[in-house]
């Protein structure tokens, strides 16, 4: 059954199994996408759940103009940006120590990046403009089409094409500055 059919089934019959199936299908990729925005796995998981809660409540209408996944990612992105705006006003007292995590254990997002090249790519992605990073992530890691990326990011197609093009250039320059010489196919 398609995502859209499952979502309609959930809304019309309150079939919790349909919502559970949707959660299982998109949970990990939505968390990873949100982690790229928030830089915090716990916040990404919380926002993922909030995005599903918004979808489950039916307060934000799914028009069917895009895929369910695109709509869900747009909800998640908006919630993540709202979270960042709220967090911007928080601060850490000067007398409080900040905990530094040395281990990657229990961090599935980092365990996926085991090879040196992947780690370098991951680091380089973190150094480029956030809009470039988001567009490239949606295109290459989430396999979204330009129309879907446009909807998730709230930008028109031309802006998305520009972000991807500039993002590739910025990523290539960043990788080269980090000493990566993997050819010109970036």
Protein backbone atom coordinates (compact mmCIF):
# COMPACT_ATOMS: atom_id res chain seq x y z
CA UNK A 1 0.00 0.00 0.00
CA UNK A 2 1.36 3.47 -0.84
CA UNK A 3 2.15 6.06 1.81
CA UNK A 4 -0.72 8.21 0.63
CA UNK A 5 -3.21 5.31 0.87
CA UNK A 6 -1.96 4.42 4.34
CA UNK A 7 -2.31 8.02 5.49
CA UNK A 8 -5.87 8.31 4.11
CA UNK A 9 -6.68 4.99 5.78
CA UNK A 10 -5.37 6.29 9.09
CA UNK A 11 -7.38 9.51 8.84
CA UNK A 12 -10.63 7.89 7.73
CA UNK A 13 -10.64 4.72 9.85
CA UNK A 14 -8.20 5.74 12.61
CA UNK A 15 -6.19 2.65 11.69
CA UNK A 16 -3.18 2.91 14.00
CA UNK A 17 -1.42 0.13 12.11
CA UNK A 18 -1.38 2.34 9.01
CA UNK A 19 0.29 5.14 10.98
CA UNK A 20 2.73 2.64 12.51
CA UNK A 21 3.68 1.43 9.02
CA UNK A 22 4.32 5.02 7.90
CA UNK A 23 6.47 5.59 10.98
CA UNK A 24 8.51 2.47 10.29
CA UNK A 25 9.01 3.43 6.63
CA UNK A 26 10.33 6.94 7.17
CA UNK A 27 11.53 7.19 10.79
CA UNK A 28 15.26 6.61 10.22
CA UNK A 29 15.65 8.77 7.13
CA UNK A 30 13.65 11.61 8.71
CA UNK A 31 15.78 11.45 11.88
CA UNK A 32 18.98 11.53 9.82
CA UNK A 33 17.67 14.47 7.78
CA UNK A 34 16.71 16.37 10.95
CA UNK A 35 20.07 15.52 12.54
CA UNK A 36 21.79 17.26 9.61
CA UNK A 37 19.83 20.40 10.47
CA UNK A 38 19.90 20.24 14.28
CA UNK A 39 23.32 18.61 14.93
CA UNK A 40 21.78 16.78 17.90
CA UNK A 41 20.42 13.23 17.72
CA UNK A 42 18.04 13.56 20.68
CA UNK A 43 16.51 16.73 19.25
CA UNK A 44 16.23 15.09 15.82
CA UNK A 45 14.37 12.12 17.32
CA UNK A 46 12.05 14.43 19.28
CA UNK A 47 11.30 16.56 16.22
CA UNK A 48 10.68 13.40 14.15
CA UNK A 49 8.05 12.34 16.67
CA UNK A 50 6.57 15.84 16.65
CA UNK A 51 6.35 15.73 12.84
CA UNK A 52 4.45 12.44 13.03
CA UNK A 53 2.20 13.90 15.73
CA UNK A 54 1.35 16.83 13.43
CA UNK A 55 0.61 14.39 10.60
CA UNK A 56 -1.45 12.15 12.89
CA UNK A 57 -3.49 15.04 14.26
CA UNK A 58 -4.68 15.99 10.81
CA UNK A 59 -4.40 19.68 11.66
CA UNK A 60 -2.02 20.25 8.75
CA UNK A 61 -3.79 19.06 5.63
CA UNK A 62 -2.09 16.75 3.17
CA UNK A 63 -3.15 18.06 -0.23
CA UNK A 64 -1.73 15.21 -2.30
CA UNK A 65 0.23 17.59 -4.56
CA UNK A 66 3.43 15.92 -3.39
CA UNK A 67 4.31 12.57 -1.90
CA UNK A 68 3.57 11.86 1.74
CA UNK A 69 7.33 11.64 2.39
CA UNK A 70 7.91 15.11 0.94
CA UNK A 71 5.07 16.54 3.01
CA UNK A 72 6.36 14.84 6.16
CA UNK A 73 9.92 16.10 5.57
CA UNK A 74 8.56 19.64 5.07
CA UNK A 75 6.75 19.41 8.41
CA UNK A 76 9.92 18.09 10.07
CA UNK A 77 12.08 20.82 8.53
CA UNK A 78 9.69 23.55 9.68
CA UNK A 79 9.60 22.12 13.20
CA UNK A 80 13.41 21.86 13.25
CA UNK A 81 13.83 25.47 12.16
CA UNK A 82 11.31 26.56 14.79
CA UNK A 83 13.28 24.57 17.38
CA UNK A 84 16.52 26.28 16.30
CA UNK A 85 14.92 29.72 16.63
CA UNK A 86 13.75 28.87 20.15
CA UNK A 87 17.12 27.36 21.10
CA UNK A 88 18.93 30.44 19.80
CA UNK A 89 17.86 32.24 22.96
CA UNK A 90 19.17 29.55 25.30
CA UNK A 91 22.65 29.80 26.72
CA UNK A 92 25.06 27.77 28.80
CA UNK A 93 26.18 29.38 32.05
CA UNK A 94 29.92 30.05 32.12
CA UNK A 95 30.44 27.94 35.22
CA UNK A 96 28.82 24.87 33.64
CA UNK A 97 30.98 22.35 31.82
CA UNK A 98 29.96 21.15 28.39
CA UNK A 99 30.09 17.38 27.97
CA UNK A 100 32.15 16.24 24.99
CA UNK A 101 31.26 12.86 23.52
CA UNK A 102 34.35 10.96 22.40
CA UNK A 103 32.70 7.70 21.43
CA UNK A 104 30.61 6.98 18.36
CA UNK A 105 29.03 3.98 20.09
CA UNK A 106 25.26 4.09 20.01
CA UNK A 107 25.28 6.77 17.32
CA UNK A 108 23.88 5.08 14.18
CA UNK A 109 24.35 8.24 12.14
CA UNK A 110 28.11 8.14 12.77
CA UNK A 111 28.41 4.37 12.57
CA UNK A 112 27.20 4.63 8.98
CA UNK A 113 30.19 6.82 8.19
CA UNK A 114 32.93 4.28 8.85
CA UNK A 115 35.28 4.78 5.98
CA UNK A 116 37.72 7.66 5.86
CA UNK A 117 36.26 9.02 2.63
CA UNK A 118 32.74 9.01 4.01
CA UNK A 119 33.91 10.74 7.19
CA UNK A 120 35.69 13.37 5.14
CA UNK A 121 32.57 13.89 3.01
CA UNK A 122 30.47 14.15 6.16
CA UNK A 123 32.87 16.71 7.65
CA UNK A 124 32.95 18.70 4.41
CA UNK A 125 29.14 18.72 4.23
CA UNK A 126 29.12 20.24 7.71
CA UNK A 127 31.33 23.11 6.53
CA UNK A 128 29.29 24.27 3.56
CA UNK A 129 26.34 26.66 3.56
CA UNK A 130 23.36 25.04 5.37
CA UNK A 131 21.05 25.58 2.38
CA UNK A 132 23.56 23.87 0.07
CA UNK A 133 23.95 21.04 2.57
CA UNK A 134 20.20 20.57 2.90
CA UNK A 135 19.59 20.54 -0.87
CA UNK A 136 22.42 18.07 -1.48
CA UNK A 137 21.28 15.85 1.38
CA UNK A 138 17.71 15.69 0.08
CA UNK A 139 18.88 14.96 -3.45
CA UNK A 140 21.60 12.39 -2.78
CA UNK A 141 20.73 10.82 0.56
CA UNK A 142 16.93 10.97 0.38
CA UNK A 143 16.72 10.52 -3.43
CA UNK A 144 14.21 13.33 -3.77
CA UNK A 145 13.36 14.97 -7.08
CA UNK A 146 13.76 18.72 -7.63
CA UNK A 147 9.99 19.27 -7.21
CA UNK A 148 10.03 17.55 -3.82
CA UNK A 149 13.16 19.38 -2.68
CA UNK A 150 11.54 22.63 -3.74
CA UNK A 151 8.50 21.88 -1.60
CA UNK A 152 10.48 20.72 1.45
CA UNK A 153 12.76 23.76 1.38
CA UNK A 154 10.07 26.27 0.42
CA UNK A 155 12.02 27.43 -2.63
CA UNK A 156 11.24 27.49 -6.34
CA UNK A 157 12.86 25.02 -8.75
CA UNK A 158 15.41 27.52 -10.08
CA UNK A 159 16.57 28.29 -6.54
CA UNK A 160 16.92 24.57 -5.82
CA UNK A 161 18.93 24.00 -9.02
CA UNK A 162 21.19 26.91 -8.01
CA UNK A 163 21.61 25.58 -4.46
CA UNK A 164 22.56 22.14 -5.75
CA UNK A 165 24.97 23.53 -8.34
CA UNK A 166 26.63 25.90 -5.88
CA UNK A 167 26.58 23.21 -3.21
CA UNK A 168 28.49 20.80 -5.43
CA UNK A 169 31.11 23.47 -6.16
CA UNK A 170 31.40 24.42 -2.48
CA UNK A 171 31.63 20.77 -1.45
CA UNK A 172 34.32 20.05 -4.01
CA UNK A 173 36.35 23.10 -2.90
CA UNK A 174 35.93 22.16 0.75
CA UNK A 175 37.03 18.57 0.12
CA UNK A 176 40.07 19.79 -1.84
CA UNK A 177 41.01 22.18 0.97
CA UNK A 178 40.83 19.20 3.34
CA UNK A 179 43.32 17.32 1.18
CA UNK A 180 40.87 15.01 -0.59
CA UNK A 181 41.89 14.26 -4.15
CA UNK A 182 39.19 11.86 -5.26
CA UNK A 183 38.94 13.08 -8.83
CA UNK A 184 36.54 15.57 -10.30
CA UNK A 185 33.34 13.51 -10.07
CA UNK A 186 31.64 15.25 -7.18
